[in-house]
Amino acid sequence: MIGGAFVDLFMTKGHMREPHWHPNAWELDVVVSGEAVTSILNPETNQLQNYHVKAGQTVFIPMGWWHWITAVTEEVQLHLFFNNDQFETAEGSDILRLTPPEVFQAAYGVSAEKLGKDLSPIKESVVIGPPNSNRLNSVKESDDSNIIVTLNGQITSCEIE
């Protein structure tokens, strides 16, 4: 692949690559070790497709399709390939935290006050979830404290407290 990007993604059970989409690239996910569920919302059929994948299996995600990856086993490693070396990502957490709750109330009839309170723990882009918060700590197991992501050879370590 010429002009693409590569991500080496490590996750532990109880964590997920948050819901997101890539407006300028497709994505090919290859499971190196462990198991994961890749969930994709098909905008053409409005159907949610869940793929339980194991080492050696792949999932293709078309450009612009909403998707997320959930670790199933204690550890999972995936190689993610993109057909754009400057691929963009729209994170679900950014949509939730940056859209005023009043917009959701006007569009969907939900309580802006309740939604604002429920979304208040999301202070920045999540990328690997769940975010650190007292409300969500019960989801995280004590040994699931480090997520490592490598983007084009540069290592980013995300500590989950």
N, C-alpha and C. Protein backbone atom coordinates (compact mmCIF):
# COMPACT_ATOMS: atom_id res chain seq x y z
N MET A 1 0.86 -1.18 0.00
CA MET A 1 0.00 0.00 0.00
C MET A 1 0.90 1.24 0.00
N ILE A 2 0.70 2.11 -0.92
CA ILE A 2 1.48 3.34 -1.03
C ILE A 2 0.63 4.50 -0.51
N GLY A 3 1.23 5.36 0.31
CA GLY A 3 0.53 6.55 0.79
C GLY A 3 -0.51 6.28 1.85
N GLY A 4 -0.37 5.19 2.58
CA GLY A 4 -1.34 4.86 3.62
C GLY A 4 -0.76 5.06 5.00
N ALA A 5 -1.53 4.64 5.99
CA ALA A 5 -1.09 4.75 7.38
C ALA A 5 -1.31 3.42 8.08
N PHE A 6 -0.55 3.20 9.15
CA PHE A 6 -0.59 1.96 9.92
C PHE A 6 -0.69 2.30 11.40
N VAL A 7 -1.56 1.59 12.11
CA VAL A 7 -1.68 1.73 13.56
C VAL A 7 -1.53 0.34 14.17
N ASP A 8 -0.66 0.23 15.17
CA ASP A 8 -0.47 -1.00 15.93
C ASP A 8 -1.22 -0.80 17.24
N LEU A 9 -2.37 -1.43 17.38
CA LEU A 9 -3.27 -1.18 18.51
C LEU A 9 -3.26 -2.35 19.48
N PHE A 10 -2.96 -2.06 20.75
CA PHE A 10 -3.03 -3.05 21.83
C PHE A 10 -4.14 -2.61 22.79
N MET A 11 -5.01 -3.55 23.17
CA MET A 11 -6.04 -3.25 24.16
C MET A 11 -6.19 -4.44 25.10
N THR A 12 -6.76 -4.19 26.26
CA THR A 12 -7.07 -5.24 27.21
C THR A 12 -8.57 -5.33 27.41
N LYS A 13 -9.01 -6.47 27.90
CA LYS A 13 -10.43 -6.72 28.11
C LYS A 13 -11.04 -5.61 28.97
N GLY A 14 -12.24 -5.19 28.62
CA GLY A 14 -12.90 -4.11 29.33
C GLY A 14 -12.69 -2.75 28.68
N HIS A 15 -11.86 -2.71 27.62
CA HIS A 15 -11.61 -1.45 26.91
C HIS A 15 -12.07 -1.56 25.47
N MET A 16 -12.26 -0.41 24.87
CA MET A 16 -12.69 -0.38 23.47
C MET A 16 -12.10 0.83 22.77
N ARG A 17 -11.95 0.70 21.46
CA ARG A 17 -11.63 1.85 20.61
C ARG A 17 -12.98 2.50 20.38
N GLU A 18 -13.13 3.71 20.90
CA GLU A 18 -14.45 4.35 20.94
C GLU A 18 -15.10 4.48 19.56
N PRO A 19 -16.43 4.61 19.53
CA PRO A 19 -17.13 4.82 18.26
C PRO A 19 -16.58 6.05 17.54
N HIS A 20 -16.34 5.88 16.22
CA HIS A 20 -15.75 6.96 15.42
C HIS A 20 -15.94 6.63 13.94
N TRP A 21 -15.52 7.55 13.09
CA TRP A 21 -15.47 7.28 11.65
C TRP A 21 -14.33 8.07 11.04
N HIS A 22 -13.94 7.65 9.84
CA HIS A 22 -12.86 8.29 9.10
C HIS A 22 -13.45 8.88 7.82
N PRO A 23 -13.55 10.21 7.74
CA PRO A 23 -14.18 10.83 6.58
C PRO A 23 -13.35 10.75 5.29
N ASN A 24 -12.05 10.41 5.42
CA ASN A 24 -11.20 10.43 4.22
C ASN A 24 -10.40 9.14 4.01
N ALA A 25 -10.79 8.04 4.65
CA ALA A 25 -10.03 6.80 4.48
C ALA A 25 -10.88 5.59 4.83
N TRP A 26 -10.61 4.49 4.12
CA TRP A 26 -11.16 3.22 4.56
C TRP A 26 -10.18 2.62 5.55
N GLU A 27 -10.61 1.57 6.24
CA GLU A 27 -9.77 0.94 7.27
C GLU A 27 -9.84 -0.57 7.11
N LEU A 28 -8.70 -1.22 7.23
CA LEU A 28 -8.62 -2.67 7.22
C LEU A 28 -8.00 -3.09 8.55
N ASP A 29 -8.74 -3.85 9.35
CA ASP A 29 -8.27 -4.30 10.66
C ASP A 29 -7.86 -5.76 10.58
N VAL A 30 -6.64 -6.05 11.01
CA VAL A 30 -6.13 -7.41 11.04
C VAL A 30 -5.84 -7.76 12.50
N VAL A 31 -6.44 -8.84 13.00
CA VAL A 31 -6.19 -9.27 14.37
C VAL A 31 -4.89 -10.06 14.39
N VAL A 32 -3.92 -9.58 15.17
CA VAL A 32 -2.62 -10.24 15.29
C VAL A 32 -2.69 -11.30 16.38
N SER A 33 -3.29 -10.95 17.53
CA SER A 33 -3.44 -11.91 18.63
C SER A 33 -4.67 -11.53 19.44
N GLY A 34 -5.24 -12.53 20.10
CA GLY A 34 -6.43 -12.30 20.91
C GLY A 34 -7.68 -12.25 20.05
N GLU A 35 -8.76 -11.74 20.67
CA GLU A 35 -10.04 -11.64 19.98
C GLU A 35 -10.68 -10.28 20.24
N ALA A 36 -11.43 -9.82 19.28
CA ALA A 36 -12.12 -8.54 19.40
C ALA A 36 -13.45 -8.62 18.66
N VAL A 37 -14.33 -7.69 18.97
CA VAL A 37 -15.55 -7.52 18.19
C VAL A 37 -15.47 -6.15 17.54
N THR A 38 -15.52 -6.14 16.22
CA THR A 38 -15.58 -4.89 15.47
C THR A 38 -17.03 -4.68 15.08
N SER A 39 -17.57 -3.55 15.49
CA SER A 39 -18.97 -3.22 15.21
C SER A 39 -19.02 -2.08 14.21
N ILE A 40 -19.84 -2.25 13.17
CA ILE A 40 -19.93 -1.28 12.09
C ILE A 40 -21.40 -0.98 11.82
N LEU A 41 -21.73 0.30 11.77
CA LEU A 41 -23.09 0.70 11.41
C LEU A 41 -23.11 0.97 9.91
N ASN A 42 -23.88 0.16 9.19
CA ASN A 42 -23.98 0.29 7.74
C ASN A 42 -24.96 1.42 7.43
N PRO A 43 -24.49 2.55 6.87
CA PRO A 43 -25.39 3.68 6.61
C PRO A 43 -26.36 3.43 5.45
N GLU A 44 -26.08 2.43 4.65
CA GLU A 44 -26.96 2.13 3.51
C GLU A 44 -28.18 1.32 3.93
N THR A 45 -28.02 0.47 4.98
CA THR A 45 -29.12 -0.39 5.43
C THR A 45 -29.59 -0.05 6.84
N ASN A 46 -28.86 0.85 7.53
CA ASN A 46 -29.12 1.16 8.94
C ASN A 46 -29.07 -0.08 9.82
N GLN A 47 -28.22 -1.03 9.48
CA GLN A 47 -28.04 -2.23 10.28
C GLN A 47 -26.68 -2.20 10.96
N LEU A 48 -26.67 -2.69 12.21
CA LEU A 48 -25.42 -2.82 12.96
C LEU A 48 -24.85 -4.20 12.66
N GLN A 49 -23.60 -4.22 12.22
CA GLN A 49 -22.92 -5.47 11.91
C GLN A 49 -21.82 -5.68 12.94
N ASN A 50 -21.85 -6.82 13.65
CA ASN A 50 -20.85 -7.15 14.66
C ASN A 50 -20.02 -8.33 14.16
N TYR A 51 -18.70 -8.15 14.12
CA TYR A 51 -17.80 -9.19 13.65
C TYR A 51 -16.89 -9.61 14.80
N HIS A 52 -17.06 -10.86 15.27
CA HIS A 52 -16.19 -11.41 16.30
C HIS A 52 -14.99 -12.01 15.56
N VAL A 53 -13.83 -11.39 15.73
CA VAL A 53 -12.65 -11.78 14.96
C VAL A 53 -11.54 -12.27 15.87
N LYS A 54 -10.79 -13.24 15.33
CA LYS A 54 -9.68 -13.87 16.05
C LYS A 54 -8.40 -13.67 15.25
N ALA A 55 -7.28 -14.09 15.85
CA ALA A 55 -5.97 -13.93 15.20
C ALA A 55 -6.01 -14.44 13.76
N GLY A 56 -5.52 -13.61 12.85
CA GLY A 56 -5.47 -13.95 11.44
C GLY A 56 -6.68 -13.51 10.64
N GLN A 57 -7.74 -13.06 11.32
CA GLN A 57 -8.94 -12.62 10.61
C GLN A 57 -8.91 -11.10 10.40
N THR A 58 -9.65 -10.64 9.39
CA THR A 58 -9.67 -9.22 9.05
C THR A 58 -11.10 -8.70 8.94
N VAL A 59 -11.22 -7.40 9.09
CA VAL A 59 -12.49 -6.70 8.89
C VAL A 59 -12.18 -5.46 8.05
N PHE A 60 -13.00 -5.22 7.04
CA PHE A 60 -12.87 -4.03 6.21
C PHE A 60 -13.97 -3.05 6.59
N ILE A 61 -13.59 -1.78 6.79
CA ILE A 61 -14.54 -0.73 7.15
C ILE A 61 -14.48 0.35 6.07
N PRO A 62 -15.56 0.52 5.32
CA PRO A 62 -15.58 1.54 4.27
C PRO A 62 -15.41 2.96 4.83
N MET A 63 -14.91 3.84 4.00
CA MET A 63 -14.73 5.24 4.36
C MET A 63 -16.05 5.85 4.86
N GLY A 64 -15.97 6.54 5.99
CA GLY A 64 -17.12 7.26 6.51
C GLY A 64 -18.10 6.44 7.32
N TRP A 65 -17.84 5.15 7.53
CA TRP A 65 -18.78 4.32 8.28
C TRP A 65 -18.45 4.35 9.77
N TRP A 66 -19.47 4.56 10.59
CA TRP A 66 -19.37 4.61 12.06
C TRP A 66 -19.00 3.21 12.57
N HIS A 67 -17.96 3.11 13.42
CA HIS A 67 -17.52 1.80 13.90
C HIS A 67 -16.76 1.93 15.22
N TRP A 68 -16.57 0.79 15.88
CA TRP A 68 -15.80 0.71 17.12
C TRP A 68 -15.28 -0.71 17.27
N ILE A 69 -14.26 -0.86 18.13
CA ILE A 69 -13.63 -2.16 18.36
C ILE A 69 -13.62 -2.42 19.86
N THR A 70 -14.06 -3.61 20.26
CA THR A 70 -14.11 -3.99 21.67
C THR A 70 -13.20 -5.19 21.90
N ALA A 71 -12.31 -5.09 22.89
CA ALA A 71 -11.46 -6.23 23.26
C ALA A 71 -12.31 -7.30 23.92
N VAL A 72 -12.15 -8.55 23.49
CA VAL A 72 -12.90 -9.67 24.05
C VAL A 72 -12.02 -10.48 24.99
N THR A 73 -10.76 -10.70 24.60
CA THR A 73 -9.84 -11.48 25.42
C THR A 73 -9.03 -10.54 26.31
N GLU A 74 -8.29 -11.13 27.24
CA GLU A 74 -7.50 -10.33 28.19
C GLU A 74 -6.58 -9.35 27.48
N GLU A 75 -6.02 -9.76 26.36
CA GLU A 75 -5.18 -8.88 25.55
C GLU A 75 -5.51 -9.11 24.08
N VAL A 76 -5.49 -8.04 23.32
CA VAL A 76 -5.71 -8.15 21.88
C VAL A 76 -4.79 -7.15 21.18
N GLN A 77 -4.21 -7.59 20.07
CA GLN A 77 -3.39 -6.71 19.24
C GLN A 77 -3.97 -6.72 17.84
N LEU A 78 -4.16 -5.53 17.28
CA LEU A 78 -4.66 -5.39 15.92
C LEU A 78 -3.72 -4.49 15.13
N HIS A 79 -3.59 -4.79 13.86
CA HIS A 79 -2.91 -3.90 12.92
C HIS A 79 -4.01 -3.25 12.09
N LEU A 80 -4.04 -1.93 12.12
CA LEU A 80 -5.04 -1.16 11.39
C LEU A 80 -4.35 -0.47 10.21
N PHE A 81 -4.89 -0.67 9.03
CA PHE A 81 -4.33 -0.07 7.81
C PHE A 81 -5.35 0.91 7.23
N PHE A 82 -4.85 2.07 6.80
CA PHE A 82 -5.69 3.12 6.22
C PHE A 82 -5.13 3.48 4.85
N ASN A 83 -5.99 3.84 3.92
CA ASN A 83 -5.53 4.17 2.56
C ASN A 83 -5.24 5.66 2.39
N ASN A 84 -4.94 6.35 3.48
CA ASN A 84 -4.60 7.77 3.44
C ASN A 84 -3.59 8.02 4.54
N ASP A 85 -2.40 8.54 4.19
CA ASP A 85 -1.39 8.76 5.22
C ASP A 85 -1.71 9.96 6.11
N GLN A 86 -2.72 10.71 5.77
CA GLN A 86 -3.20 11.82 6.60
C GLN A 86 -4.66 11.57 6.97
N PHE A 87 -4.96 10.32 7.36
CA PHE A 87 -6.36 9.99 7.64
C PHE A 87 -6.89 10.81 8.80
N GLU A 88 -8.16 11.13 8.71
CA GLU A 88 -8.84 11.92 9.73
C GLU A 88 -9.80 11.03 10.51
N THR A 89 -10.03 11.40 11.76
CA THR A 89 -10.95 10.64 12.61
C THR A 89 -11.90 11.59 13.30
N ALA A 90 -13.18 11.28 13.22
CA ALA A 90 -14.21 12.00 13.98
C ALA A 90 -14.60 11.10 15.14
N GLU A 91 -14.23 11.52 16.36
CA GLU A 91 -14.47 10.72 17.56
C GLU A 91 -15.88 10.94 18.10
N GLY A 92 -16.52 9.86 18.51
CA GLY A 92 -17.84 9.95 19.11
C GLY A 92 -17.85 10.81 20.36
N SER A 93 -16.78 10.71 21.16
CA SER A 93 -16.71 11.50 22.39
C SER A 93 -16.69 12.99 22.09
N ASP A 94 -16.05 13.38 20.99
CA ASP A 94 -16.03 14.80 20.63
C ASP A 94 -17.41 15.28 20.21
N ILE A 95 -18.13 14.45 19.49
CA ILE A 95 -19.50 14.82 19.10
C ILE A 95 -20.36 15.00 20.34
N LEU A 96 -20.25 14.07 21.28
CA LEU A 96 -21.07 14.14 22.49
C LEU A 96 -20.70 15.34 23.37
N ARG A 97 -19.39 15.59 23.55
CA ARG A 97 -18.98 16.64 24.49
C ARG A 97 -19.03 18.04 23.90
N LEU A 98 -18.94 18.16 22.57
CA LEU A 98 -18.88 19.48 21.95
C LEU A 98 -20.22 19.97 21.40
N THR A 99 -21.16 19.07 21.24
CA THR A 99 -22.50 19.48 20.80
C THR A 99 -23.28 19.92 22.03
N PRO A 100 -23.80 21.14 22.06
CA PRO A 100 -24.56 21.58 23.23
C PRO A 100 -25.74 20.64 23.50
N PRO A 101 -25.97 20.28 24.77
CA PRO A 101 -27.08 19.39 25.12
C PRO A 101 -28.43 19.89 24.59
N GLU A 102 -28.57 21.19 24.45
CA GLU A 102 -29.82 21.76 23.94
C GLU A 102 -30.09 21.33 22.49
N VAL A 103 -29.04 21.05 21.74
CA VAL A 103 -29.21 20.57 20.37
C VAL A 103 -29.84 19.18 20.38
N PHE A 104 -29.36 18.31 21.28
CA PHE A 104 -29.93 16.97 21.40
C PHE A 104 -31.38 17.05 21.87
N GLN A 105 -31.66 17.99 22.77
CA GLN A 105 -33.03 18.16 23.25
C GLN A 105 -33.95 18.58 22.10
N ALA A 106 -33.50 19.55 21.31
CA ALA A 106 -34.32 20.04 20.20
C ALA A 106 -34.49 18.96 19.11
N ALA A 107 -33.45 18.19 18.86
CA ALA A 107 -33.49 17.19 17.79
C ALA A 107 -34.19 15.90 18.19
N TYR A 108 -34.00 15.47 19.46
CA TYR A 108 -34.47 14.15 19.86
C TYR A 108 -35.44 14.14 21.03
N GLY A 109 -35.68 15.30 21.64
CA GLY A 109 -36.61 15.36 22.75
C GLY A 109 -36.08 14.83 24.06
N VAL A 110 -34.75 14.74 24.19
CA VAL A 110 -34.15 14.29 25.45
C VAL A 110 -33.91 15.49 26.36
N SER A 111 -33.78 15.24 27.64
CA SER A 111 -33.55 16.31 28.60
C SER A 111 -32.13 16.85 28.46
N ALA A 112 -32.00 18.13 28.13
CA ALA A 112 -30.68 18.76 28.01
C ALA A 112 -29.96 18.73 29.35
N GLU A 113 -30.69 18.96 30.43
CA GLU A 113 -30.09 18.99 31.76
C GLU A 113 -29.54 17.61 32.13
N LYS A 114 -30.34 16.57 31.94
CA LYS A 114 -29.90 15.21 32.27
C LYS A 114 -28.75 14.78 31.37
N LEU A 115 -28.86 15.05 30.09
CA LEU A 115 -27.80 14.67 29.15
C LEU A 115 -26.50 15.39 29.49
N GLY A 116 -26.58 16.68 29.79
CA GLY A 116 -25.39 17.44 30.17
C GLY A 116 -24.70 16.83 31.37
N LYS A 117 -25.48 16.42 32.35
CA LYS A 117 -24.93 15.79 33.56
C LYS A 117 -24.31 14.43 33.21
N ASP A 118 -25.02 13.63 32.41
CA ASP A 118 -24.52 12.31 32.03
C ASP A 118 -23.23 12.38 31.22
N LEU A 119 -23.09 13.41 30.39
CA LEU A 119 -21.91 13.54 29.54
C LEU A 119 -20.77 14.32 30.19
N SER A 120 -20.99 14.88 31.36
CA SER A 120 -19.98 15.74 32.01
C SER A 120 -18.65 15.04 32.29
N PRO A 121 -18.58 13.71 32.51
CA PRO A 121 -17.27 13.09 32.71
C PRO A 121 -16.38 13.11 31.47
N ILE A 122 -16.94 13.33 30.30
CA ILE A 122 -16.16 13.33 29.06
C ILE A 122 -15.56 14.72 28.88
N LYS A 123 -14.29 14.87 29.27
CA LYS A 123 -13.61 16.17 29.23
C LYS A 123 -12.73 16.36 28.00
N GLU A 124 -12.39 15.24 27.33
CA GLU A 124 -11.52 15.30 26.15
C GLU A 124 -11.83 14.10 25.27
N SER A 125 -11.19 14.03 24.13
CA SER A 125 -11.37 12.87 23.25
C SER A 125 -11.01 11.61 24.02
N VAL A 126 -11.83 10.59 23.91
CA VAL A 126 -11.60 9.36 24.68
C VAL A 126 -10.64 8.43 23.95
N VAL A 127 -10.82 8.15 22.70
CA VAL A 127 -10.06 7.25 21.84
C VAL A 127 -10.14 5.81 22.35
N ILE A 128 -9.54 5.52 23.52
CA ILE A 128 -9.68 4.20 24.14
C ILE A 128 -10.50 4.40 25.40
N GLY A 129 -11.63 3.71 25.51
CA GLY A 129 -12.53 3.90 26.65
C GLY A 129 -12.60 2.67 27.51
N PRO A 130 -13.21 2.78 28.67
CA PRO A 130 -13.95 3.95 29.13
C PRO A 130 -13.01 5.01 29.70
N PRO A 131 -13.48 6.28 29.72
CA PRO A 131 -12.66 7.34 30.29
C PRO A 131 -12.54 7.17 31.79
N ASN A 132 -11.51 7.78 32.37
CA ASN A 132 -11.32 7.73 33.81
C ASN A 132 -12.39 8.58 34.49
N SER A 133 -13.18 7.95 35.32
CA SER A 133 -14.14 8.68 36.15
C SER A 133 -14.58 7.77 37.27
N ASN A 134 -14.95 8.35 38.39
CA ASN A 134 -15.39 7.55 39.53
C ASN A 134 -16.60 6.72 39.17
N ARG A 135 -17.49 7.25 38.33
CA ARG A 135 -18.69 6.53 37.93
C ARG A 135 -18.36 5.30 37.11
N LEU A 136 -17.26 5.32 36.37
CA LEU A 136 -16.96 4.25 35.44
C LEU A 136 -15.85 3.32 35.91
N ASN A 137 -15.21 3.60 37.04
CA ASN A 137 -14.09 2.79 37.48
C ASN A 137 -14.46 1.33 37.71
N SER A 138 -15.71 1.04 38.04
CA SER A 138 -16.11 -0.34 38.27
C SER A 138 -15.99 -1.18 37.01
N VAL A 139 -15.96 -0.56 35.83
CA VAL A 139 -15.85 -1.29 34.57
C VAL A 139 -14.44 -1.79 34.36
N LYS A 140 -13.46 -1.04 34.82
CA LYS A 140 -12.06 -1.36 34.58
C LYS A 140 -11.54 -2.36 35.61
N GLU A 141 -10.81 -3.37 35.15
CA GLU A 141 -10.17 -4.29 36.06
C GLU A 141 -8.81 -3.72 36.43
N SER A 142 -8.30 -4.09 37.61
CA SER A 142 -7.09 -3.46 38.13
C SER A 142 -5.86 -3.66 37.25
N ASP A 143 -5.78 -4.76 36.48
CA ASP A 143 -4.59 -4.98 35.66
C ASP A 143 -4.72 -4.39 34.25
N ASP A 144 -5.82 -3.74 33.97
CA ASP A 144 -6.04 -3.13 32.65
C ASP A 144 -5.69 -1.65 32.71
N SER A 145 -4.41 -1.35 32.91
CA SER A 145 -4.07 0.05 33.16
C SER A 145 -3.29 0.71 32.03
N ASN A 146 -2.95 -0.03 30.99
CA ASN A 146 -2.11 0.58 29.97
C ASN A 146 -2.55 0.14 28.58
N ILE A 147 -2.77 1.10 27.74
CA ILE A 147 -3.11 0.85 26.35
C ILE A 147 -1.99 1.47 25.52
N ILE A 148 -1.47 0.74 24.55
CA ILE A 148 -0.39 1.27 23.72
C ILE A 148 -0.88 1.34 22.28
N VAL A 149 -0.71 2.49 21.68
CA VAL A 149 -1.08 2.70 20.29
C VAL A 149 0.15 3.20 19.55
N THR A 150 0.47 2.59 18.43
CA THR A 150 1.58 3.05 17.60
C THR A 150 1.01 3.55 16.29
N LEU A 151 1.25 4.81 15.97
CA LEU A 151 0.77 5.40 14.72
C LEU A 151 1.98 5.74 13.87
N ASN A 152 2.12 5.04 12.76
CA ASN A 152 3.24 5.25 11.84
C ASN A 152 4.59 5.27 12.56
N GLY A 153 4.77 4.30 13.47
CA GLY A 153 6.04 4.15 14.16
C GLY A 153 6.22 4.99 15.40
N GLN A 154 5.31 5.89 15.71
CA GLN A 154 5.41 6.71 16.91
C GLN A 154 4.52 6.11 17.98
N ILE A 155 5.09 5.80 19.14
CA ILE A 155 4.35 5.14 20.21
C ILE A 155 3.65 6.16 21.08
N THR A 156 2.38 5.91 21.34
CA THR A 156 1.59 6.70 22.27
C THR A 156 1.06 5.75 23.31
N SER A 157 1.34 6.01 24.57
CA SER A 157 0.85 5.17 25.65
C SER A 157 -0.24 5.93 26.38
N CYS A 158 -1.39 5.30 26.54
CA CYS A 158 -2.52 5.92 27.21
C CYS A 158 -2.71 5.25 28.55
N GLU A 159 -2.37 5.92 29.63
CA GLU A 159 -2.55 5.35 30.96
C GLU A 159 -4.00 5.50 31.37
N ILE A 160 -4.60 4.40 31.82
CA ILE A 160 -5.97 4.40 32.32
C ILE A 160 -5.88 4.22 33.83
N GLU A 161 -6.25 5.22 34.58
CA GLU A 161 -6.14 5.14 36.04
C GLU A 161 -7.40 4.58 36.64
